[in-house]
Amino acid sequence: KLPRDLELLWQKFERYYREFDETTSNKKLELRCNLHHLEVLTPFKISRDVFLVLDVNMVQYCILELFNHNGVLSFYELQKTTQIDDVTLNQALHSFVRINLLSNDPDDKTYKINDDFKPDRKKIKNGILRVTYGGPAKRNSKSHIPTSDSNIWKERDNKNGSNSISGK
């Protein structure tokens, strides 16, 4: 669920998209939150007159936006308000905890902005810190790569009547 200001922008974009090209009436326009990037101005100074800008995706923005109105939020409150699934919400929250922008209390699963946040200066480019987000954690993401002693190789050898792989 998008914050109200983004929802209005999305609706405006959809209208523009439909008016711009008549052939789009049959096409479905789908919002892919983890693919959109936004730059968010923060209250954290990186120099005397320069405030840090965060480069985040829309999922991350939806979470940060809630902290504009709330000091502390529980995982449940974040999930209920944003309607983001558990895995994606955990990944987004972890991206902020990892850089120390959010602090969390694991006992009651609450999060709050770290008022003493100090970004890693080596990761800031032109005043912008990209908050990396790997997307939702994949379940059962192990990939099987056959090795020389795997069943695939043994089956091939047995079919050819040899015990080794040859270049023939």
N, C-alpha and C. Protein backbone atom coordinates (compact mmCIF):
# COMPACT_ATOMS: atom_id res chain seq x y z
N LYS A 1 0.86 -1.17 0.00
CA LYS A 1 0.00 0.00 0.00
C LYS A 1 0.90 1.23 0.00
N LEU A 2 0.66 2.12 -0.94
CA LEU A 2 1.49 3.32 -1.06
C LEU A 2 1.03 4.41 -0.11
N PRO A 3 1.98 5.21 0.38
CA PRO A 3 1.57 6.41 1.14
C PRO A 3 0.73 7.31 0.22
N ARG A 4 -0.11 8.11 0.83
CA ARG A 4 -1.07 8.94 0.08
C ARG A 4 -0.41 9.79 -1.00
N ASP A 5 0.72 10.44 -0.69
CA ASP A 5 1.37 11.29 -1.69
C ASP A 5 1.86 10.49 -2.89
N LEU A 6 2.37 9.29 -2.66
CA LEU A 6 2.81 8.45 -3.78
C LEU A 6 1.64 7.86 -4.54
N GLU A 7 0.57 7.56 -3.85
CA GLU A 7 -0.63 7.05 -4.52
C GLU A 7 -1.15 8.07 -5.52
N LEU A 8 -1.17 9.33 -5.12
CA LEU A 8 -1.63 10.39 -6.02
C LEU A 8 -0.70 10.53 -7.23
N LEU A 9 0.60 10.44 -7.01
CA LEU A 9 1.56 10.50 -8.12
C LEU A 9 1.39 9.30 -9.06
N TRP A 10 1.17 8.13 -8.49
CA TRP A 10 0.98 6.93 -9.30
C TRP A 10 -0.26 7.07 -10.18
N GLN A 11 -1.36 7.56 -9.60
CA GLN A 11 -2.58 7.76 -10.38
C GLN A 11 -2.37 8.77 -11.50
N LYS A 12 -1.64 9.83 -11.21
CA LYS A 12 -1.32 10.84 -12.22
C LYS A 12 -0.49 10.23 -13.35
N PHE A 13 0.48 9.40 -12.98
CA PHE A 13 1.30 8.73 -13.99
C PHE A 13 0.47 7.80 -14.86
N GLU A 14 -0.43 7.04 -14.23
CA GLU A 14 -1.29 6.13 -14.98
C GLU A 14 -2.14 6.89 -16.00
N ARG A 15 -2.71 8.03 -15.59
CA ARG A 15 -3.51 8.84 -16.52
C ARG A 15 -2.64 9.33 -17.67
N TYR A 16 -1.46 9.83 -17.36
CA TYR A 16 -0.55 10.31 -18.40
C TYR A 16 -0.19 9.18 -19.35
N TYR A 17 0.12 8.01 -18.81
CA TYR A 17 0.50 6.85 -19.61
C TYR A 17 -0.63 6.47 -20.57
N ARG A 18 -1.87 6.47 -20.08
CA ARG A 18 -3.03 6.10 -20.90
C ARG A 18 -3.29 7.16 -21.99
N GLU A 19 -3.12 8.44 -21.65
CA GLU A 19 -3.38 9.51 -22.61
C GLU A 19 -2.27 9.63 -23.65
N PHE A 20 -1.06 9.30 -23.25
CA PHE A 20 0.11 9.47 -24.11
C PHE A 20 0.07 8.53 -25.31
N ASP A 21 -0.37 7.31 -25.11
CA ASP A 21 -0.35 6.30 -26.15
C ASP A 21 -1.68 5.56 -26.15
N GLU A 22 -2.42 5.68 -27.22
CA GLU A 22 -3.74 5.07 -27.30
C GLU A 22 -3.69 3.55 -27.25
N THR A 23 -2.56 2.97 -27.62
CA THR A 23 -2.45 1.51 -27.64
C THR A 23 -2.30 0.92 -26.24
N THR A 24 -2.16 1.77 -25.24
CA THR A 24 -1.97 1.27 -23.87
C THR A 24 -3.26 0.88 -23.18
N SER A 25 -4.39 1.14 -23.79
CA SER A 25 -5.66 0.85 -23.11
C SER A 25 -5.82 -0.63 -22.78
N ASN A 26 -5.22 -1.50 -23.56
CA ASN A 26 -5.31 -2.94 -23.30
C ASN A 26 -4.16 -3.47 -22.46
N LYS A 27 -3.20 -2.63 -22.16
CA LYS A 27 -2.04 -3.06 -21.39
C LYS A 27 -2.24 -2.77 -19.91
N LYS A 28 -1.78 -3.70 -19.09
CA LYS A 28 -1.88 -3.50 -17.65
C LYS A 28 -0.59 -2.85 -17.16
N LEU A 29 -0.74 -1.78 -16.45
CA LEU A 29 0.40 -1.08 -15.86
C LEU A 29 0.55 -1.59 -14.44
N GLU A 30 1.71 -2.18 -14.15
CA GLU A 30 1.91 -2.82 -12.85
C GLU A 30 2.98 -2.08 -12.06
N LEU A 31 2.67 -1.81 -10.83
CA LEU A 31 3.61 -1.13 -9.93
C LEU A 31 4.55 -2.17 -9.34
N ARG A 32 5.84 -2.02 -9.59
CA ARG A 32 6.87 -2.92 -9.06
C ARG A 32 7.74 -2.13 -8.10
N CYS A 33 7.33 -2.12 -6.84
CA CYS A 33 7.94 -1.24 -5.84
C CYS A 33 9.44 -1.42 -5.67
N ASN A 34 9.94 -2.64 -5.78
CA ASN A 34 11.37 -2.83 -5.56
C ASN A 34 12.22 -2.38 -6.75
N LEU A 35 11.60 -1.97 -7.84
CA LEU A 35 12.34 -1.49 -9.01
C LEU A 35 12.42 0.03 -9.09
N HIS A 36 11.59 0.72 -8.35
CA HIS A 36 11.57 2.18 -8.38
C HIS A 36 12.54 2.74 -7.36
N HIS A 37 13.24 3.79 -7.75
CA HIS A 37 14.18 4.44 -6.83
C HIS A 37 13.76 5.87 -6.57
N LEU A 38 13.89 6.27 -5.31
CA LEU A 38 13.55 7.63 -4.90
C LEU A 38 14.72 8.18 -4.10
N GLU A 39 14.88 9.47 -4.17
CA GLU A 39 15.88 10.14 -3.35
C GLU A 39 15.15 10.87 -2.24
N VAL A 40 15.57 10.58 -1.00
CA VAL A 40 14.89 11.11 0.18
C VAL A 40 15.87 11.98 0.95
N LEU A 41 15.49 13.23 1.13
CA LEU A 41 16.31 14.16 1.91
C LEU A 41 16.14 13.84 3.39
N THR A 42 17.26 13.74 4.10
CA THR A 42 17.21 13.40 5.52
C THR A 42 17.61 14.60 6.37
N PRO A 43 17.37 14.54 7.67
CA PRO A 43 17.80 15.62 8.56
C PRO A 43 19.26 15.46 9.01
N PHE A 44 19.96 14.46 8.49
CA PHE A 44 21.34 14.20 8.89
C PHE A 44 22.31 14.98 8.02
N LYS A 45 23.13 15.80 8.65
CA LYS A 45 24.10 16.60 7.91
C LYS A 45 25.36 15.80 7.62
N ILE A 46 25.87 15.97 6.39
CA ILE A 46 27.15 15.34 6.06
C ILE A 46 28.26 16.37 5.95
N SER A 47 27.88 17.62 5.92
CA SER A 47 28.83 18.73 6.03
C SER A 47 28.06 19.92 6.58
N ARG A 48 28.70 21.03 6.67
CA ARG A 48 28.10 22.20 7.33
C ARG A 48 26.70 22.56 6.81
N ASP A 49 26.55 22.62 5.50
CA ASP A 49 25.27 23.04 4.91
C ASP A 49 24.63 21.97 4.03
N VAL A 50 25.15 20.77 4.06
CA VAL A 50 24.65 19.73 3.17
C VAL A 50 24.01 18.60 3.98
N PHE A 51 22.77 18.27 3.61
CA PHE A 51 22.05 17.19 4.25
C PHE A 51 22.19 15.92 3.41
N LEU A 52 22.24 14.80 4.07
CA LEU A 52 22.36 13.51 3.42
C LEU A 52 21.08 13.18 2.65
N VAL A 53 21.26 12.63 1.46
CA VAL A 53 20.14 12.14 0.66
C VAL A 53 20.28 10.63 0.57
N LEU A 54 19.17 9.92 0.79
CA LEU A 54 19.17 8.47 0.69
C LEU A 54 18.56 8.06 -0.65
N ASP A 55 19.19 7.13 -1.32
CA ASP A 55 18.64 6.53 -2.54
C ASP A 55 18.03 5.20 -2.10
N VAL A 56 16.69 5.14 -2.14
CA VAL A 56 15.96 3.96 -1.67
C VAL A 56 14.96 3.51 -2.72
N ASN A 57 14.48 2.28 -2.58
CA ASN A 57 13.40 1.86 -3.46
C ASN A 57 12.06 2.22 -2.81
N MET A 58 10.99 1.97 -3.52
CA MET A 58 9.69 2.41 -3.03
C MET A 58 9.26 1.67 -1.77
N VAL A 59 9.63 0.40 -1.64
CA VAL A 59 9.31 -0.35 -0.42
C VAL A 59 9.98 0.32 0.78
N GLN A 60 11.26 0.65 0.62
CA GLN A 60 12.00 1.30 1.70
C GLN A 60 11.41 2.68 2.00
N TYR A 61 11.01 3.40 0.96
CA TYR A 61 10.41 4.72 1.17
C TYR A 61 9.12 4.61 1.98
N CYS A 62 8.29 3.64 1.64
CA CYS A 62 7.02 3.48 2.35
C CYS A 62 7.27 3.27 3.85
N ILE A 63 8.33 2.58 4.18
CA ILE A 63 8.68 2.35 5.59
C ILE A 63 9.18 3.65 6.22
N LEU A 64 10.10 4.34 5.55
CA LEU A 64 10.64 5.59 6.10
C LEU A 64 9.55 6.63 6.30
N GLU A 65 8.62 6.68 5.39
CA GLU A 65 7.54 7.67 5.47
C GLU A 65 6.75 7.52 6.77
N LEU A 66 6.57 6.30 7.22
CA LEU A 66 5.83 6.07 8.47
C LEU A 66 6.56 6.63 9.68
N PHE A 67 7.89 6.68 9.62
CA PHE A 67 8.66 7.23 10.74
C PHE A 67 8.59 8.76 10.78
N ASN A 68 8.06 9.39 9.76
CA ASN A 68 7.83 10.84 9.81
C ASN A 68 6.72 11.17 10.80
N HIS A 69 5.86 10.21 11.05
CA HIS A 69 4.70 10.44 11.91
C HIS A 69 4.71 9.64 13.19
N ASN A 70 5.68 8.74 13.33
CA ASN A 70 5.74 7.85 14.50
C ASN A 70 7.18 7.72 14.96
N GLY A 71 7.38 7.76 16.27
CA GLY A 71 8.74 7.61 16.81
C GLY A 71 9.20 6.17 16.83
N VAL A 72 8.31 5.28 17.23
CA VAL A 72 8.62 3.86 17.35
C VAL A 72 7.50 3.08 16.69
N LEU A 73 7.88 2.08 15.90
CA LEU A 73 6.88 1.23 15.24
C LEU A 73 7.25 -0.23 15.42
N SER A 74 6.25 -1.04 15.64
CA SER A 74 6.48 -2.48 15.74
C SER A 74 6.42 -3.08 14.34
N PHE A 75 6.97 -4.29 14.23
CA PHE A 75 6.90 -5.01 12.96
C PHE A 75 5.45 -5.17 12.54
N TYR A 76 4.60 -5.50 13.49
CA TYR A 76 3.17 -5.69 13.19
C TYR A 76 2.54 -4.40 12.67
N GLU A 77 2.84 -3.27 13.31
CA GLU A 77 2.28 -1.98 12.87
C GLU A 77 2.76 -1.64 11.45
N LEU A 78 4.03 -1.88 11.19
CA LEU A 78 4.57 -1.62 9.85
C LEU A 78 3.90 -2.50 8.82
N GLN A 79 3.74 -3.76 9.15
CA GLN A 79 3.12 -4.69 8.22
C GLN A 79 1.65 -4.36 7.97
N LYS A 80 0.94 -4.04 9.03
CA LYS A 80 -0.49 -3.72 8.90
C LYS A 80 -0.69 -2.45 8.06
N THR A 81 0.14 -1.44 8.29
CA THR A 81 -0.01 -0.17 7.58
C THR A 81 0.41 -0.27 6.12
N THR A 82 1.54 -0.93 5.87
CA THR A 82 2.07 -0.98 4.51
C THR A 82 1.51 -2.14 3.70
N GLN A 83 1.04 -3.18 4.37
CA GLN A 83 0.56 -4.40 3.73
C GLN A 83 1.65 -5.09 2.91
N ILE A 84 2.88 -4.96 3.38
CA ILE A 84 4.02 -5.61 2.75
C ILE A 84 4.18 -6.98 3.39
N ASP A 85 4.45 -8.00 2.58
CA ASP A 85 4.59 -9.35 3.13
C ASP A 85 5.80 -9.44 4.08
N ASP A 86 5.79 -10.45 4.95
CA ASP A 86 6.81 -10.63 5.99
C ASP A 86 8.23 -10.61 5.44
N VAL A 87 8.48 -11.40 4.41
CA VAL A 87 9.82 -11.55 3.88
C VAL A 87 10.35 -10.23 3.32
N THR A 88 9.54 -9.54 2.55
CA THR A 88 9.96 -8.28 1.94
C THR A 88 10.15 -7.21 3.01
N LEU A 89 9.24 -7.16 3.98
CA LEU A 89 9.35 -6.18 5.05
C LEU A 89 10.62 -6.42 5.87
N ASN A 90 10.90 -7.68 6.19
CA ASN A 90 12.12 -8.00 6.92
C ASN A 90 13.36 -7.57 6.15
N GLN A 91 13.36 -7.83 4.85
CA GLN A 91 14.51 -7.46 4.02
C GLN A 91 14.70 -5.94 4.01
N ALA A 92 13.63 -5.19 3.87
CA ALA A 92 13.72 -3.73 3.84
C ALA A 92 14.17 -3.18 5.19
N LEU A 93 13.60 -3.68 6.27
CA LEU A 93 14.01 -3.23 7.60
C LEU A 93 15.47 -3.56 7.85
N HIS A 94 15.89 -4.74 7.43
CA HIS A 94 17.29 -5.15 7.61
C HIS A 94 18.23 -4.20 6.85
N SER A 95 17.80 -3.71 5.70
CA SER A 95 18.66 -2.79 4.94
C SER A 95 18.92 -1.50 5.73
N PHE A 96 17.96 -1.07 6.53
CA PHE A 96 18.14 0.14 7.36
C PHE A 96 18.91 -0.17 8.64
N VAL A 97 18.64 -1.32 9.24
CA VAL A 97 19.36 -1.71 10.45
C VAL A 97 20.83 -1.93 10.12
N ARG A 98 21.11 -2.53 8.97
CA ARG A 98 22.48 -2.83 8.54
C ARG A 98 23.34 -1.57 8.46
N ILE A 99 22.76 -0.44 8.04
CA ILE A 99 23.54 0.80 7.95
C ILE A 99 23.39 1.65 9.22
N ASN A 100 22.64 1.12 10.19
CA ASN A 100 22.45 1.78 11.48
C ASN A 100 21.51 2.99 11.43
N LEU A 101 20.71 3.11 10.39
CA LEU A 101 19.72 4.18 10.31
C LEU A 101 18.55 3.89 11.24
N LEU A 102 18.16 2.62 11.30
CA LEU A 102 17.12 2.19 12.24
C LEU A 102 17.78 1.34 13.32
N SER A 103 17.27 1.49 14.52
CA SER A 103 17.68 0.58 15.58
C SER A 103 16.45 -0.26 15.92
N ASN A 104 16.71 -1.49 16.32
CA ASN A 104 15.57 -2.35 16.63
C ASN A 104 15.76 -3.01 17.98
N ASP A 105 14.63 -3.30 18.59
CA ASP A 105 14.61 -4.03 19.85
C ASP A 105 14.06 -5.41 19.52
N PRO A 106 14.93 -6.41 19.50
CA PRO A 106 14.49 -7.75 19.09
C PRO A 106 13.46 -8.36 20.03
N ASP A 107 13.43 -7.93 21.29
CA ASP A 107 12.48 -8.52 22.25
C ASP A 107 11.04 -8.19 21.89
N ASP A 108 10.77 -6.90 21.62
CA ASP A 108 9.39 -6.54 21.29
C ASP A 108 9.21 -6.20 19.80
N LYS A 109 10.23 -6.48 19.00
CA LYS A 109 10.19 -6.28 17.54
C LYS A 109 9.76 -4.86 17.17
N THR A 110 10.39 -3.87 17.82
CA THR A 110 10.11 -2.48 17.48
C THR A 110 11.32 -1.86 16.81
N TYR A 111 11.04 -0.83 16.04
CA TYR A 111 12.07 -0.11 15.29
C TYR A 111 11.90 1.38 15.52
N LYS A 112 13.04 2.09 15.51
CA LYS A 112 12.99 3.54 15.59
C LYS A 112 14.19 4.11 14.85
N ILE A 113 14.07 5.38 14.46
CA ILE A 113 15.18 6.07 13.78
C ILE A 113 16.29 6.27 14.80
N ASN A 114 17.50 5.98 14.38
CA ASN A 114 18.67 6.20 15.21
C ASN A 114 19.06 7.68 15.09
N ASP A 115 18.78 8.46 16.12
CA ASP A 115 19.06 9.90 16.08
C ASP A 115 20.55 10.21 15.98
N ASP A 116 21.38 9.24 16.34
CA ASP A 116 22.83 9.41 16.27
C ASP A 116 23.44 8.79 15.01
N PHE A 117 22.61 8.60 14.00
CA PHE A 117 23.05 7.97 12.77
C PHE A 117 24.23 8.72 12.15
N LYS A 118 25.29 7.99 11.85
CA LYS A 118 26.47 8.52 11.17
C LYS A 118 26.74 7.62 9.97
N PRO A 119 26.46 8.10 8.77
CA PRO A 119 26.66 7.25 7.59
C PRO A 119 28.14 6.99 7.32
N ASP A 120 28.41 5.89 6.67
CA ASP A 120 29.76 5.56 6.25
C ASP A 120 30.13 6.51 5.10
N ARG A 121 31.03 7.41 5.36
CA ARG A 121 31.39 8.45 4.37
C ARG A 121 31.95 7.87 3.08
N LYS A 122 32.55 6.69 3.16
CA LYS A 122 33.11 6.06 1.96
C LYS A 122 32.01 5.62 0.99
N LYS A 123 30.80 5.45 1.50
CA LYS A 123 29.70 4.98 0.65
C LYS A 123 28.85 6.12 0.10
N ILE A 124 29.16 7.35 0.49
CA ILE A 124 28.39 8.51 0.02
C ILE A 124 29.02 9.03 -1.28
N LYS A 125 28.21 9.15 -2.32
CA LYS A 125 28.66 9.68 -3.61
C LYS A 125 27.81 10.90 -3.95
N ASN A 126 28.45 12.05 -4.07
CA ASN A 126 27.76 13.30 -4.39
C ASN A 126 26.61 13.59 -3.43
N GLY A 127 26.82 13.30 -2.15
CA GLY A 127 25.82 13.58 -1.13
C GLY A 127 24.72 12.55 -1.02
N ILE A 128 24.83 11.46 -1.78
CA ILE A 128 23.79 10.44 -1.81
C ILE A 128 24.32 9.12 -1.29
N LEU A 129 23.58 8.52 -0.38
CA LEU A 129 23.90 7.19 0.14
C LEU A 129 22.87 6.21 -0.39
N ARG A 130 23.31 5.25 -1.15
CA ARG A 130 22.40 4.23 -1.66
C ARG A 130 22.20 3.17 -0.58
N VAL A 131 20.96 2.96 -0.21
CA VAL A 131 20.64 1.94 0.78
C VAL A 131 20.36 0.66 0.01
N THR A 132 21.33 -0.23 -0.01
CA THR A 132 21.20 -1.43 -0.83
C THR A 132 20.09 -2.32 -0.31
N TYR A 133 19.38 -2.87 -1.24
CA TYR A 133 18.24 -3.72 -0.94
C TYR A 133 18.31 -4.90 -1.90
N GLY A 134 18.48 -6.07 -1.36
CA GLY A 134 18.61 -7.25 -2.20
C GLY A 134 17.29 -7.87 -2.60
N GLY A 135 16.19 -7.25 -2.23
CA GLY A 135 14.89 -7.82 -2.54
C GLY A 135 14.52 -8.86 -1.52
N PRO A 136 13.38 -9.47 -1.69
CA PRO A 136 12.94 -10.46 -0.72
C PRO A 136 13.90 -11.64 -0.69
N ALA A 137 14.10 -12.18 0.49
CA ALA A 137 14.95 -13.36 0.62
C ALA A 137 14.29 -14.51 -0.12
N LYS A 138 15.08 -15.23 -0.88
CA LYS A 138 14.54 -16.34 -1.65
C LYS A 138 14.52 -17.59 -0.80
N ARG A 139 13.44 -18.29 -0.88
CA ARG A 139 13.32 -19.56 -0.16
C ARG A 139 13.87 -20.66 -1.04
N ASN A 140 14.61 -21.58 -0.42
CA ASN A 140 15.20 -22.70 -1.15
C ASN A 140 15.97 -22.22 -2.38
N SER A 141 16.87 -21.27 -2.18
CA SER A 141 17.57 -20.68 -3.30
C SER A 141 18.84 -21.42 -3.68
N LYS A 142 19.06 -22.62 -3.12
CA LYS A 142 20.25 -23.38 -3.48
C LYS A 142 20.14 -23.82 -4.92
N SER A 143 21.19 -23.56 -5.66
CA SER A 143 21.19 -24.02 -7.05
C SER A 143 22.08 -25.25 -7.15
N HIS A 144 21.71 -26.15 -8.00
CA HIS A 144 22.47 -27.38 -8.15
C HIS A 144 23.37 -27.24 -9.37
N ILE A 145 24.66 -27.30 -9.12
CA ILE A 145 25.63 -27.27 -10.20
C ILE A 145 26.31 -28.62 -10.23
N PRO A 146 26.17 -29.34 -11.35
CA PRO A 146 26.76 -30.67 -11.39
C PRO A 146 28.27 -30.62 -11.30
N THR A 147 28.84 -31.54 -10.57
CA THR A 147 30.29 -31.67 -10.49
C THR A 147 30.69 -32.99 -11.11
N SER A 148 31.96 -33.22 -11.23
CA SER A 148 32.42 -34.42 -11.92
C SER A 148 32.01 -35.70 -11.23
N ASP A 149 31.69 -35.64 -9.93
CA ASP A 149 31.27 -36.86 -9.25
C ASP A 149 29.75 -36.92 -9.03
N SER A 150 29.01 -36.04 -9.69
CA SER A 150 27.55 -36.06 -9.51
C SER A 150 26.93 -37.18 -10.33
N ASN A 151 25.67 -37.48 -10.04
CA ASN A 151 24.95 -38.54 -10.73
C ASN A 151 24.82 -38.26 -12.22
N ILE A 152 24.71 -37.01 -12.62
CA ILE A 152 24.57 -36.66 -14.03
C ILE A 152 25.78 -37.16 -14.80
N TRP A 153 26.96 -36.89 -14.28
CA TRP A 153 28.17 -37.31 -14.99
C TRP A 153 28.29 -38.83 -15.00
N LYS A 154 27.95 -39.47 -13.90
CA LYS A 154 28.05 -40.92 -13.84
C LYS A 154 27.09 -41.58 -14.83
N GLU A 155 25.86 -41.03 -14.95
CA GLU A 155 24.90 -41.58 -15.89
C GLU A 155 25.40 -41.46 -17.31
N ARG A 156 26.01 -40.33 -17.66
CA ARG A 156 26.53 -40.13 -19.01
C ARG A 156 27.65 -41.13 -19.28
N ASP A 157 28.50 -41.34 -18.29
CA ASP A 157 29.61 -42.27 -18.48
C ASP A 157 29.10 -43.68 -18.69
N ASN A 158 28.11 -44.09 -17.92
CA ASN A 158 27.58 -45.44 -18.04
C ASN A 158 26.91 -45.66 -19.39
N LYS A 159 26.22 -44.65 -19.92
CA LYS A 159 25.56 -44.78 -21.21
C LYS A 159 26.58 -44.94 -22.33
N ASN A 160 27.71 -44.27 -22.18
CA ASN A 160 28.74 -44.35 -23.22
C ASN A 160 29.63 -45.58 -23.05
N GLY A 161 29.45 -46.28 -21.95
CA GLY A 161 30.24 -47.47 -21.71
C GLY A 161 31.66 -47.15 -21.26
N SER A 162 31.88 -45.93 -20.82
CA SER A 162 33.23 -45.59 -20.33
C SER A 162 33.13 -45.06 -18.92
N ASN A 163 34.26 -44.99 -18.27
CA ASN A 163 34.30 -44.50 -16.88
C ASN A 163 34.81 -43.07 -16.80
N SER A 164 35.07 -42.43 -17.89
CA SER A 164 35.56 -41.05 -17.86
C SER A 164 34.95 -40.28 -19.01
N ILE A 165 35.01 -38.97 -18.89
CA ILE A 165 34.46 -38.10 -19.94
C ILE A 165 35.58 -37.86 -20.95
N SER A 166 35.27 -38.09 -22.18
CA SER A 166 36.29 -37.90 -23.21
C SER A 166 35.84 -36.82 -24.17
N GLY A 167 36.74 -36.34 -24.97
CA GLY A 167 36.42 -35.29 -25.94
C GLY A 167 35.97 -35.83 -27.26
N LYS A 168 35.58 -37.08 -27.36
CA LYS A 168 35.17 -37.69 -28.62
C LYS A 168 33.83 -37.21 -29.08
